[in-house]
Protein backbone atom coordinates (compact mmCIF):
# COMPACT_ATOMS: atom_id res chain seq x y z
CA MET A 1 -29.72 3.42 -20.39
CA PRO A 2 -28.23 2.30 -17.06
CA ARG A 3 -25.25 4.16 -15.87
CA THR A 4 -23.46 1.09 -14.69
CA LYS A 5 -23.20 -2.50 -16.09
CA LYS A 6 -21.81 -5.61 -14.73
CA ILE A 7 -18.58 -7.11 -15.95
CA LYS A 8 -19.06 -10.66 -17.36
CA ASP A 9 -16.06 -12.56 -15.86
CA ASN A 10 -16.07 -10.93 -12.33
CA PRO A 11 -19.33 -10.38 -10.43
CA ASP A 12 -17.55 -8.08 -7.96
CA LEU A 13 -16.89 -5.41 -10.56
CA ILE A 14 -19.11 -3.02 -12.32
CA LYS A 15 -18.33 -0.58 -15.11
CA ASP A 16 -19.61 2.98 -15.05
CA THR A 17 -20.68 3.71 -18.59
CA THR A 18 -20.32 7.37 -18.28
CA SER A 19 -16.72 7.62 -17.07
CA GLN A 20 -15.59 4.11 -18.21
CA ALA A 21 -14.33 3.53 -14.60
CA VAL A 22 -14.22 -0.05 -13.19
CA ILE A 23 -15.59 -0.14 -9.60
CA ASN A 24 -15.09 -3.00 -7.13
CA THR A 25 -18.34 -3.63 -5.24
CA ASN A 26 -16.65 -6.19 -2.90
CA SER A 27 -16.22 -4.18 0.42
CA THR A 28 -14.38 -7.05 2.17
CA ALA A 29 -11.81 -7.03 -0.53
CA ILE A 30 -11.43 -3.38 -0.44
CA GLN A 31 -10.93 -3.30 3.31
CA ALA A 32 -8.44 -6.12 3.13
CA ARG A 33 -6.34 -4.24 0.51
CA ARG A 34 -6.50 -1.10 2.61
CA ALA A 35 -5.26 -2.98 5.77
CA GLN A 36 -2.48 -4.60 3.52
CA ILE A 37 -1.43 -1.10 2.34
CA ALA A 38 -1.41 0.31 5.84
CA LEU A 39 0.79 -2.69 7.11
CA ASN A 40 3.26 -2.16 4.17
CA LYS A 41 3.43 1.45 5.15
CA VAL A 42 4.24 0.51 8.76
CA LYS A 43 6.92 -1.95 7.60
CA GLU A 44 8.45 0.60 5.30
CA THR A 45 8.58 3.20 8.16
CA GLU A 46 10.08 0.64 10.45
CA LEU A 47 12.70 -0.44 7.81
CA GLN A 48 13.70 3.27 7.32
CA MET A 49 14.10 3.80 11.14
CA MET A 50 16.34 0.60 11.16
CA LYS A 51 18.48 1.97 8.26
CA ASP A 52 18.81 5.44 9.95
CA ASP A 53 19.84 3.70 13.36
CA ILE A 54 22.40 1.57 11.44
CA ALA A 55 23.93 4.73 9.89
CA GLU A 56 24.03 6.31 13.21
CA ILE A 57 25.96 3.31 14.71
CA LYS A 58 28.30 3.29 11.85
CA SER A 59 28.96 6.85 12.46
CA LEU A 60 29.73 6.38 16.20
CA ILE A 61 31.98 3.49 15.45
CA LYS A 62 33.94 5.60 13.05
CA GLN A 63 34.34 8.35 15.69
CA LEU A 64 35.40 5.74 18.17
CA GLY A 65 37.99 4.43 15.80
CA LYS A 66 39.52 8.01 15.33
CA LYS A 67 40.24 8.36 18.96
């Protein structure tokens, strides 16, 4: 019995009959998704840095207002 079999509706996917895992065999799509995840991580890091900078600016403005 073969360990994998093709999925009928999507030729890029195969199913491992032992573990029931669905495996994507389209390496281009996998690389594109990994690049998208990395880009999202960079954007999230940049957004967090901007939030921290805004919080610091707010703090400095409040200190200036007390003087």
